PDB file of N, CA and C in Angstrom:
ATOM      1  N   MET A   1      78.858 131.513  76.351  1.00  0.00           N
ATOM      2  CA  MET A   1      78.301 131.665  77.820  1.00  0.00           C
ATOM      3  C   MET A   1      77.587 130.648  77.948  1.00  0.00           C
ATOM      4  N   ILE A   2      77.660 129.878  79.130  1.00  0.00           N
ATOM      5  CA  ILE A   2      76.546 128.777  79.558  1.00  0.00           C
ATOM      6  C   ILE A   2      75.979 129.302  80.586  1.00  0.00           C
ATOM      7  N   LEU A   3      74.604 128.902  80.518  1.00  0.00           N
ATOM      8  CA  LEU A   3      73.706 128.884  81.790  1.00  0.00           C
ATOM      9  C   LEU A   3      73.464 127.731  82.423  1.00  0.00           C
ATOM     10  N   GLU A   4      73.674 127.935  83.900  1.00  0.00           N
ATOM     11  CA  GLU A   4      73.636 127.006  84.543  1.00  0.00           C
ATOM     12  C   GLU A   4      72.141 127.004  85.413  1.00  0.00           C
ATOM     13  N   ALA A   5      71.248 126.390  85.221  1.00  0.00           N
ATOM     14  CA  ALA A   5      69.687 126.341  85.975  1.00  0.00           C
ATOM     15  C   ALA A   5      69.608 125.295  86.837  1.00  0.00           C
ATOM     16  N   VAL A   6      69.082 125.832  87.994  1.00  0.00           N
ATOM     17  CA  VAL A   6      69.385 124.901  89.036  1.00  0.00           C
ATOM     18  C   VAL A   6      67.999 124.940  89.776  1.00  0.00           C
ATOM     19  N   MET A   7      66.979 124.113  90.051  1.00  0.00           N
ATOM     20  CA  MET A   7      65.978 124.114  90.716  1.00  0.00           C
ATOM     21  C   MET A   7      66.149 123.560  92.388  1.00  0.00           C
ATOM     22  N   LEU A   8      65.759 124.617  92.960  1.00  0.00           N
ATOM     23  CA  LEU A   8      66.037 124.097  94.284  1.00  0.00           C
ATOM     24  C   LEU A   8      64.490 124.056  95.176  1.00  0.00           C
ATOM     25  N   LYS A   9      64.471 123.320  96.129  1.00  0.00           N
ATOM     26  CA  LYS A   9      63.370 123.242  97.073  1.00  0.00           C
ATOM     27  C   LYS A   9      63.729 123.167  98.383  1.00  0.00           C
ATOM     28  N   VAL A  10      63.618 124.530  99.069  1.00  0.00           N
ATOM     29  CA  VAL A  10      63.820 124.528 100.463  1.00  0.00           C
ATOM     30  C   VAL A  10      63.024 124.264 101.289  1.00  0.00           C
ATOM     31  N   VAL A  11      63.611 123.669 102.778  1.00  0.00           N
ATOM     32  CA  VAL A  11      62.801 123.404 103.644  1.00  0.00           C
ATOM     33  C   VAL A  11      61.684 124.155 104.131  1.00  0.00           C
ATOM     34  N   ALA A  12      60.509 123.574 104.219  1.00  0.00           N
ATOM     35  CA  ALA A  12      59.433 124.464 104.730  1.00  0.00           C
ATOM     36  C   ALA A  12      59.399 125.492 105.861  1.00  0.00           C
ATOM     37  N   GLY A  13      59.304 126.830 105.624  1.00  0.00           N
ATOM     38  CA  GLY A  13      59.635 127.761 106.885  1.00  0.00           C
ATOM     39  C   GLY A  13      60.952 128.039 106.878  1.00  0.00           C
ATOM     40  N   GLN A  14      61.842 127.725 106.251  1.00  0.00           N
ATOM     41  CA  GLN A  14      63.235 128.367 106.305  1.00  0.00           C
ATOM     42  C   GLN A  14      63.690 128.957 105.322  1.00  0.00           C
ATOM     43  N   GLU A  15      62.797 129.498 104.461  1.00  0.00           N
ATOM     44  CA  GLU A  15      62.867 130.489 103.101  1.00  0.00           C
ATOM     45  C   GLU A  15      63.708 131.571 103.230  1.00  0.00           C
ATOM     46  N   LEU A  16      63.253 132.569 104.369  1.00  0.00           N
ATOM     47  CA  LEU A  16      63.974 133.675 104.593  1.00  0.00           C
ATOM     48  C   LEU A  16      65.309 133.237 105.103  1.00  0.00           C
ATOM     49  N   GLU A  17      65.716 132.465 105.953  1.00  0.00           N
ATOM     50  CA  GLU A  17      66.613 132.142 106.432  1.00  0.00           C
ATOM     51  C   GLU A  17      68.008 131.837 105.290  1.00  0.00           C
ATOM     52  N   PHE A  18      67.232 131.052 104.175  1.00  0.00           N
ATOM     53  CA  PHE A  18      67.725 130.589 103.091  1.00  0.00           C
ATOM     54  C   PHE A  18      68.315 131.670 102.305  1.00  0.00           C
ATOM     55  N   GLU A  19      67.471 132.584 102.080  1.00  0.00           N
ATOM     56  CA  GLU A  19      67.749 133.852 101.208  1.00  0.00           C
ATOM     57  C   GLU A  19      68.930 134.523 101.938  1.00  0.00           C
ATOM     58  N   ALA A  20      68.851 134.952 103.108  1.00  0.00           N
ATOM     59  CA  ALA A  20      70.115 135.422 103.795  1.00  0.00           C
ATOM     60  C   ALA A  20      71.183 134.904 103.543  1.00  0.00           C
ATOM     61  N   ALA A  21      71.201 133.302 103.697  1.00  0.00           N
ATOM     62  CA  ALA A  21      72.227 132.689 103.623  1.00  0.00           C
ATOM     63  C   ALA A  21      72.840 133.015 102.324  1.00  0.00           C
ATOM     64  N   PHE A  22      72.084 132.918 101.013  1.00  0.00           N
ATOM     65  CA  PHE A  22      72.327 133.096 100.105  1.00  0.00           C
ATOM     66  C   PHE A  22      72.845 134.369  99.703  1.00  0.00           C
ATOM     67  N   ALA A  23      72.520 135.218 100.293  1.00  0.00           N
ATOM     68  CA  ALA A  23      73.004 136.578 100.077  1.00  0.00           C
ATOM     69  C   ALA A  23      74.381 136.838 100.678  1.00  0.00           C
ATOM     70  N   THR A  24      74.657 135.961 101.800  1.00  0.00           N
ATOM     71  CA  THR A  24      76.090 136.014 102.450  1.00  0.00           C
ATOM     72  C   THR A  24      77.006 134.814 101.340  1.00  0.00           C
ATOM     73  N   ALA A  25      76.553 134.012 100.588  1.00  0.00           N
ATOM     74  CA  ALA A  25      77.201 133.088  99.698  1.00  0.00           C
ATOM     75  C   ALA A  25      77.686 133.832  98.603  1.00  0.00           C
ATOM     76  N   THR A  26      76.803 134.983  98.273  1.00  0.00           N
ATOM     77  CA  THR A  26      76.742 135.408  96.850  1.00  0.00           C
ATOM     78  C   THR A  26      78.191 135.924  96.312  1.00  0.00           C
ATOM     79  N   PRO A  27      79.190 136.462  97.592  1.00  0.00           N
ATOM     80  CA  PRO A  27      80.465 136.828  97.040  1.00  0.00           C
ATOM     81  C   PRO A  27      81.512 135.620  96.704  1.00  0.00           C
ATOM     82  N   LEU A  28      81.175 134.493  97.182  1.00  0.00           N
ATOM     83  CA  LEU A  28      81.903 133.188  97.077  1.00  0.00           C
ATOM     84  C   LEU A  28      81.749 132.754  95.907  1.00  0.00           C
ATOM     85  N   ILE A  29      80.456 132.725  95.089  1.00  0.00           N
ATOM     86  CA  ILE A  29      80.468 132.479  93.679  1.00  0.00           C
ATOM     87  C   ILE A  29      81.059 133.527  92.643  1.00  0.00           C
ATOM     88  N   ALA A  30      80.609 134.635  93.154  1.00  0.00           N
ATOM     89  CA  ALA A  30      81.034 135.766  92.279  1.00  0.00           C
ATOM     90  C   ALA A  30      82.713 135.983  92.168  1.00  0.00           C
ATOM     91  N   ALA A  31      83.455 135.578  93.001  1.00  0.00           N
ATOM     92  CA  ALA A  31      84.983 135.727  93.159  1.00  0.00           C
ATOM     93  C   ALA A  31      85.479 134.474  91.957  1.00  0.00           C
ATOM     94  N   ILE A  32      84.934 133.350  91.635  1.00  0.00           N
ATOM     95  CA  ILE A  32      85.297 132.380  90.641  1.00  0.00           C
ATOM     96  C   ILE A  32      85.490 132.934  89.176  1.00  0.00           C
ATOM     97  N   ASP A  33      86.957 132.602  88.866  1.00  0.00           N
ATOM     98  CA  ASP A  33      87.198 132.765  87.407  1.00  0.00           C
ATOM     99  C   ASP A  33      86.174 132.279  86.457  1.00  0.00           C
ATOM    100  N   GLY A  34      85.758 132.946  85.715  1.00  0.00           N
ATOM    101  CA  GLY A  34      84.461 132.091  84.668  1.00  0.00           C
ATOM    102  C   GLY A  34      83.118 132.598  84.832  1.00  0.00           C
ATOM    103  N   TYR A  35      83.024 133.319  86.153  1.00  0.00           N
ATOM    104  CA  TYR A  35      81.352 133.524  86.442  1.00  0.00           C
ATOM    105  C   TYR A  35      81.149 134.790  85.842  1.00  0.00           C
ATOM    106  N   LEU A  36      80.057 134.979  85.394  1.00  0.00           N
ATOM    107  CA  LEU A  36      79.744 136.255  84.590  1.00  0.00           C
ATOM    108  C   LEU A  36      78.481 136.711  85.730  1.00  0.00           C
ATOM    109  N   SER A  37      77.580 136.020  85.964  1.00  0.00           N
ATOM    110  CA  SER A  37      76.394 136.901  86.641  1.00  0.00           C
ATOM    111  C   SER A  37      75.659 135.624  87.240  1.00  0.00           C
ATOM    112  N   HIS A  38      74.393 135.846  88.073  1.00  0.00           N
ATOM    113  CA  HIS A  38      73.537 135.011  88.738  1.00  0.00           C
ATOM    114  C   HIS A  38      72.344 135.792  89.271  1.00  0.00           C
ATOM    115  N   GLU A  39      70.977 134.956  89.063  1.00  0.00           N
ATOM    116  CA  GLU A  39      69.978 135.590  89.911  1.00  0.00           C
ATOM    117  C   GLU A  39      69.025 134.296  90.496  1.00  0.00           C
ATOM    118  N   LEU A  40      68.360 134.761  91.498  1.00  0.00           N
ATOM    119  CA  LEU A  40      67.512 133.813  92.329  1.00  0.00           C
ATOM    120  C   LEU A  40      66.145 134.052  91.933  1.00  0.00           C
ATOM    121  N   GLN A  41      65.443 133.110  91.778  1.00  0.00           N
ATOM    122  CA  GLN A  41      64.046 133.503  91.489  1.00  0.00           C
ATOM    123  C   GLN A  41      63.257 133.215  92.272  1.00  0.00           C
ATOM    124  N   ARG A  42      62.019 133.356  92.999  1.00  0.00           N
ATOM    125  CA  ARG A  42      61.509 132.460  94.111  1.00  0.00           C
ATOM    126  C   ARG A  42      60.137 132.492  93.376  1.00  0.00           C
ATOM    127  N   CYS A  43      59.485 130.894  93.459  1.00  0.00           N
ATOM    128  CA  CYS A  43      58.273 130.465  92.354  1.00  0.00           C
ATOM    129  C   CYS A  43      57.229 131.145  93.291  1.00  0.00           C
ATOM    130  N   LEU A  44      56.312 131.581  92.507  1.00  0.00           N
ATOM    131  CA  LEU A  44      55.184 132.041  93.010  1.00  0.00           C
ATOM    132  C   LEU A  44      54.022 131.201  93.411  1.00  0.00           C
ATOM    133  N   GLU A  45      54.015 129.842  92.572  1.00  0.00           N
ATOM    134  CA  GLU A  45      52.773 129.009  92.748  1.00  0.00           C
ATOM    135  C   GLU A  45      53.366 128.050  93.966  1.00  0.00           C
ATOM    136  N   VAL A  46      54.601 127.533  94.120  1.00  0.00           N
ATOM    137  CA  VAL A  46      55.185 126.480  95.035  1.00  0.00           C
ATOM    138  C   VAL A  46      56.244 127.271  96.027  1.00  0.00           C
ATOM    139  N   SER A  47      55.307 127.322  97.301  1.00  0.00           N
ATOM    140  CA  SER A  47      56.423 127.758  98.704  1.00  0.00           C
ATOM    141  C   SER A  47      57.307 126.876  98.493  1.00  0.00           C
ATOM    142  N   GLY A  48      58.583 127.613  98.846  1.00  0.00           N
ATOM    143  CA  GLY A  48      59.980 126.890  99.109  1.00  0.00           C
ATOM    144  C   GLY A  48      60.624 126.700  97.767  1.00  0.00           C
ATOM    145  N   LYS A  49      60.311 126.941  96.705  1.00  0.00           N
ATOM    146  CA  LYS A  49      60.826 126.438  95.379  1.00  0.00           C
ATOM    147  C   LYS A  49      61.463 127.822  94.576  1.00  0.00           C
ATOM    148  N   TYR A  50      62.707 127.542  94.113  1.00  0.00           N
ATOM    149  CA  TYR A  50      63.535 128.485  93.729  1.00  0.00           C
ATOM    150  C   TYR A  50      64.248 127.926  92.527  1.00  0.00           C
ATOM    151  N   LEU A  51      64.028 128.789  91.531  1.00  0.00           N
ATOM    152  CA  LEU A  51      65.229 128.679  90.499  1.00  0.00           C
ATOM    153  C   LEU A  51      66.422 129.783  90.429  1.00  0.00           C
ATOM    154  N   LEU A  52      67.803 129.126  90.711  1.00  0.00           N
ATOM    155  CA  LEU A  52      68.768 129.819  90.644  1.00  0.00           C
ATOM    156  C   LEU A  52      69.473 129.549  89.109  1.00  0.00           C
ATOM    157  N   LEU A  53      69.691 130.839  88.522  1.00  0.00           N
ATOM    158  CA  LEU A  53      70.280 131.194  87.274  1.00  0.00           C
ATOM    159  C   LEU A  53      71.825 131.570  87.271  1.00  0.00           C
ATOM    160  N   VAL A  54      72.546 130.903  86.796  1.00  0.00           N
ATOM    161  CA  VAL A  54      74.293 131.421  87.001  1.00  0.00           C
ATOM    162  C   VAL A  54      74.370 131.358  85.271  1.00  0.00           C
ATOM    163  N   ARG A  55      75.334 132.407  84.837  1.00  0.00           N
ATOM    164  CA  ARG A  55      75.925 132.431  83.703  1.00  0.00           C
ATOM    165  C   ARG A  55      77.536 132.350  83.857  1.00  0.00           C
ATOM    166  N   TRP A  56      77.882 131.505  83.199  1.00  0.00           N
ATOM    167  CA  TRP A  56      79.433 131.098  83.302  1.00  0.00           C
ATOM    168  C   TRP A  56      80.199 131.316  81.967  1.00  0.00           C
ATOM    169  N   ARG A  57      81.565 131.619  81.941  1.00  0.00           N
ATOM    170  CA  ARG A  57      82.197 131.617  80.581  1.00  0.00           C
ATOM    171  C   ARG A  57      82.127 130.506  79.830  1.00  0.00           C
ATOM    172  N   ASN A  58      82.156 129.530  80.709  1.00  0.00           N
ATOM    173  CA  ASN A  58      82.163 128.082  79.809  1.00  0.00           C
ATOM    174  C   ASN A  58      81.772 126.982  80.901  1.00  0.00           C
ATOM    175  N   LEU A  59      81.432 125.875  80.472  1.00  0.00           N
ATOM    176  CA  LEU A  59      81.212 124.790  81.528  1.00  0.00           C
ATOM    177  C   LEU A  59      82.146 124.709  82.721  1.00  0.00           C
ATOM    178  N   GLU A  60      83.508 124.559  82.034  1.00  0.00           N
ATOM    179  CA  GLU A  60      84.607 124.249  82.825  1.00  0.00           C
ATOM    180  C   GLU A  60      84.586 125.149  84.297  1.00  0.00           C
ATOM    181  N   ALA A  61      84.401 126.453  84.077  1.00  0.00           N
ATOM    182  CA  ALA A  61      84.388 127.210  84.889  1.00  0.00           C
ATOM    183  C   ALA A  61      83.360 127.048  86.538  1.00  0.00           C
ATOM    184  N   HIS A  62      82.098 126.506  85.918  1.00  0.00           N
ATOM    185  CA  HIS A  62      81.320 125.765  86.829  1.00  0.00           C
ATOM    186  C   HIS A  62      81.483 124.544  87.463  1.00  0.00           C
ATOM    187  N   THR A  63      81.722 123.476  86.424  1.00  0.00           N
ATOM    188  CA  THR A  63      81.983 121.963  86.725  1.00  0.00           C
ATOM    189  C   THR A  63      83.494 121.750  87.269  1.00  0.00           C
ATOM    190  N   VAL A  64      84.387 122.302  86.889  1.00  0.00           N
ATOM    191  CA  VAL A  64      85.796 122.233  87.342  1.00  0.00           C
ATOM    192  C   VAL A  64      86.217 123.642  88.383  1.00  0.00           C
ATOM    193  N   THR A  65      86.300 124.690  88.087  1.00  0.00           N
ATOM    194  CA  THR A  65      86.754 125.997  88.820  1.00  0.00           C
ATOM    195  C   THR A  65      86.258 126.135  89.959  1.00  0.00           C
ATOM    196  N   PHE A  66      84.807 126.043  89.849  1.00  0.00           N
ATOM    197  CA  PHE A  66      83.883 126.396  90.996  1.00  0.00           C
ATOM    198  C   PHE A  66      83.885 125.075  91.953  1.00  0.00           C
ATOM    199  N   ARG A  67      83.711 123.899  91.278  1.00  0.00           N
ATOM    200  CA  ARG A  67      83.194 122.706  92.161  1.00  0.00           C
ATOM    201  C   ARG A  67      84.191 121.997  92.678  1.00  0.00           C
ATOM    202  N   GLN A  68      85.488 122.496  92.079  1.00  0.00           N
ATOM    203  CA  GLN A  68      87.125 122.065  93.009  1.00  0.00           C
ATOM    204  C   GLN A  68      87.344 123.177  94.092  1.00  0.00           C
ATOM    205  N   SER A  69      86.815 124.300  94.139  1.00  0.00           N
ATOM    206  CA  SER A  69      87.148 125.390  94.563  1.00  0.00           C
ATOM    207  C   SER A  69      87.068 125.349  96.480  1.00  0.00           C
ATOM    208  N   PRO A  70      87.804 126.103  97.252  1.00  0.00           N
ATOM    209  CA  PRO A  70      87.567 126.098  98.600  1.00  0.00           C
ATOM    210  C   PRO A  70      86.251 126.778  98.753  1.00  0.00           C
ATOM    211  N   GLU A  71      85.794 127.847  97.901  1.00  0.00           N
ATOM    212  CA  GLU A  71      84.696 128.671  97.875  1.00  0.00           C
ATOM    213  C   GLU A  71      83.305 127.719  97.750  1.00  0.00           C
ATOM    214  N   PHE A  72      83.563 126.515  96.866  1.00  0.00           N
ATOM    215  CA  PHE A  72      82.247 125.666  96.895  1.00  0.00           C
ATOM    216  C   PHE A  72      82.193 125.314  98.096  1.00  0.00           C
ATOM    217  N   LEU A  73      83.289 124.600  99.000  1.00  0.00           N
ATOM    218  CA  LEU A  73      83.164 124.177 100.123  1.00  0.00           C
ATOM    219  C   LEU A  73      82.304 124.887 101.176  1.00  0.00           C
ATOM    220  N   GLU A  74      82.668 126.132 100.824  1.00  0.00           N
ATOM    221  CA  GLU A  74      82.110 127.256 101.905  1.00  0.00           C
ATOM    222  C   GLU A  74      80.513 127.262 101.431  1.00  0.00           C
ATOM    223  N   TRP A  75      80.309 127.373 100.251  1.00  0.00           N
ATOM    224  CA  TRP A  75      78.798 127.807  99.407  1.00  0.00           C
ATOM    225  C   TRP A  75      77.799 126.403 100.370  1.00  0.00           C
ATOM    226  N   LYS A  76      78.384 125.238  99.969  1.00  0.00           N
ATOM    227  CA  LYS A  76      77.719 123.977 100.418  1.00  0.00           C
ATOM    228  C   LYS A  76      77.687 124.218 101.989  1.00  0.00           C
ATOM    229  N   LYS A  77      78.487 124.808 102.627  1.00  0.00           N
ATOM    230  CA  LYS A  77      78.380 124.740 104.208  1.00  0.00           C
ATOM    231  C   LYS A  77      77.384 125.791 104.577  1.00  0.00           C
ATOM    232  N   LEU A  78      77.358 126.734 103.925  1.00  0.00           N
ATOM    233  CA  LEU A  78      75.963 127.796 104.276  1.00  0.00           C
ATOM    234  C   LEU A  78      74.807 127.454 103.512  1.00  0.00           C
ATOM    235  N   LEU A  79      74.704 126.802 102.481  1.00  0.00           N
ATOM    236  CA  LEU A  79      73.146 126.457 101.690  1.00  0.00           C
ATOM    237  C   LEU A  79      72.756 125.182 101.755  1.00  0.00           C
ATOM    238  N   HIS A  80      73.647 124.202 101.761  1.00  0.00           N
ATOM    239  CA  HIS A  80      72.913 122.661 101.233  1.00  0.00           C
ATOM    240  C   HIS A  80      72.092 122.293 102.535  1.00  0.00           C
ATOM    241  N   HIS A  81      72.395 122.732 103.653  1.00  0.00           N
ATOM    242  CA  HIS A  81      71.300 122.115 104.776  1.00  0.00           C
ATOM    243  C   HIS A  81      70.006 122.741 104.808  1.00  0.00           C
ATOM    244  N   PHE A  82      69.635 123.566 103.622  1.00  0.00           N
ATOM    245  CA  PHE A  82      68.447 124.312 103.724  1.00  0.00           C
ATOM    246  C   PHE A  82      67.291 123.346 102.740  1.00  0.00           C
ATOM    247  N   TYR A  83      68.269 122.521 101.671  1.00  0.00           N
ATOM    248  CA  TYR A  83      67.482 121.831 100.864  1.00  0.00           C
ATOM    249  C   TYR A  83      66.752 120.584 101.111  1.00  0.00           C
ATOM    250  N   ALA A  84      65.281 120.688 100.585  1.00  0.00           N
ATOM    251  CA  ALA A  84      64.531 119.456 101.091  1.00  0.00           C
ATOM    252  C   ALA A  84      64.910 118.133 100.283  1.00  0.00           C
ATOM    253  N   SER A  85      65.253 118.618  99.090  1.00  0.00           N
ATOM    254  CA  SER A  85      65.652 117.420  98.154  1.00  0.00           C
ATOM    255  C   SER A  85      67.190 117.703  97.395  1.00  0.00           C
ATOM    256  N   PRO A  86      67.983 116.962  96.838  1.00  0.00           N
ATOM    257  CA  PRO A  86      68.948 117.665  96.320  1.00  0.00           C
ATOM    258  C   PRO A  86      68.724 118.047  94.655  1.00  0.00           C
ATOM    259  N   PRO A  87      69.359 119.170  94.464  1.00  0.00           N
ATOM    260  CA  PRO A  87      69.226 120.243  93.575  1.00  0.00           C
ATOM    261  C   PRO A  87      69.217 119.642  92.258  1.00  0.00           C
ATOM    262  N   MET A  88      68.278 120.142  91.296  1.00  0.00           N
ATOM    263  CA  MET A  88      68.329 119.523  89.879  1.00  0.00           C
ATOM    264  C   MET A  88      69.328 120.721  89.181  1.00  0.00           C
ATOM    265  N   ILE A  89      70.453 120.137  88.728  1.00  0.00           N
ATOM    266  CA  ILE A  89      71.378 121.028  87.971  1.00  0.00           C
ATOM    267  C   ILE A  89      71.357 120.828  86.305  1.00  0.00           C
ATOM    268  N   GLU A  90      70.974 121.904  85.286  1.00  0.00           N
ATOM    269  CA  GLU A  90      71.399 121.720  84.150  1.00  0.00           C
ATOM    270  C   GLU A  90      72.126 122.573  83.658  1.00  0.00           C
ATOM    271  N   HIS A  91      72.893 122.439  82.631  1.00  0.00           N
ATOM    272  CA  HIS A  91      73.536 123.377  81.847  1.00  0.00           C
ATOM    273  C   HIS A  91      72.899 123.627  80.351  1.00  0.00           C
ATOM    274  N   PHE A  92      73.102 124.994  79.895  1.00  0.00           N
ATOM    275  CA  PHE A  92      72.580 124.996  78.560  1.00  0.00           C
ATOM    276  C   PHE A  92      73.314 126.249  77.968  1.00  0.00           C
ATOM    277  N   GLU A  93      72.930 126.152  76.362  1.00  0.00           N
ATOM    278  CA  GLU A  93      73.516 127.183  75.427  1.00  0.00           C
ATOM    279  C   GLU A  93      72.840 127.823  74.862  1.00  0.00           C
ATOM    280  N   LEU A  94      73.104 128.725  74.397  1.00  0.00           N
ATOM    281  CA  LEU A  94      71.991 129.799  73.590  1.00  0.00           C
ATOM    282  C   LEU A  94      71.722 129.174  72.550  1.00  0.00           C
ATOM    283  N   SER A  95      70.559 128.889  71.668  1.00  0.00           N
ATOM    284  CA  SER A  95      70.188 128.067  70.700  1.00  0.00           C
ATOM    285  C   SER A  95      69.570 129.259  69.871  1.00  0.00           C
ATOM    286  N   ILE A  96      68.487 130.003  70.354  1.00  0.00           N
ATOM    287  CA  ILE A  96      67.719 131.131  69.447  1.00  0.00           C
ATOM    288  C   ILE A  96      67.704 132.275  70.590  1.00  0.00           C
ATOM    289  N   ALA A  97      68.123 133.545  69.848  1.00  0.00           N
ATOM    290  CA  ALA A  97      67.652 134.872  71.062  1.00  0.00           C
ATOM    291  C   ALA A  97      66.611 135.760  69.998  1.00  0.00           C
ATOM    292  N   ASN A  98      66.198 135.947  71.133  1.00  0.00           N
ATOM    293  CA  ASN A  98      64.906 137.286  70.447  1.00  0.00           C
ATOM    294  C   ASN A  98      65.318 138.648  70.933  1.00  0.00           C
ATOM    295  N   PRO A  99      65.373 139.556  70.445  1.00  0.00           N
ATOM    296  CA  PRO A  99      65.716 140.755  71.145  1.00  0.00           C
ATOM    297  C   PRO A  99      64.577 141.195  71.750  1.00  0.00           C
ATOM    298  N   PRO A 100      64.940 142.164  72.874  1.00  0.00           N
ATOM    299  CA  PRO A 100      63.816 142.718  73.485  1.00  0.00           C
ATOM    300  C   PRO A 100      62.900 143.609  72.781  1.00  0.00           C
ATOM    301  N   SER A 101      61.736 143.650  73.421  1.00  0.00           N
ATOM    302  CA  SER A 101      60.560 144.386  72.598  1.00  0.00           C
ATOM    303  C   SER A 101      60.914 145.781  72.974  1.00  0.00           C
ATOM    304  N   THR A 102      60.537 146.957  72.055  1.00  0.00           N
ATOM    305  CA  THR A 102      60.302 148.247  72.089  1.00  0.00           C
ATOM    306  C   THR A 102      59.535 148.927  72.701  1.00  0.00           C
ATOM    307  N   LEU A 103      58.356 147.777  72.925  1.00  0.00           N
ATOM    308  CA  LEU A 103      57.232 148.765  73.559  1.00  0.00           C
ATOM    309  C   LEU A 103      57.130 149.671  74.805  1.00  0.00           C
TER     310      LEU A 103
END
């Protein structure tokens, strides 16, 4: 499993519109072979800052299957005009896992 971490900065005042558009775009990414799950986190300290975490079966599911798909073109059309700066995208693989607490 690969974790894609994307730091997003949305144009000030467009956060609600972005979140609505993101909900509309969700089925596009979810339909891709190799997609596992995702979550969008809103920053508490910085207005308009989001962290998108996407779990993929492997790196190619994101970099090839999704990025070269018609769904990605629609994803860009729905979301990219909201970004105040280009998204910062990095990919991670699990190194150490800590089991959840039972408290």
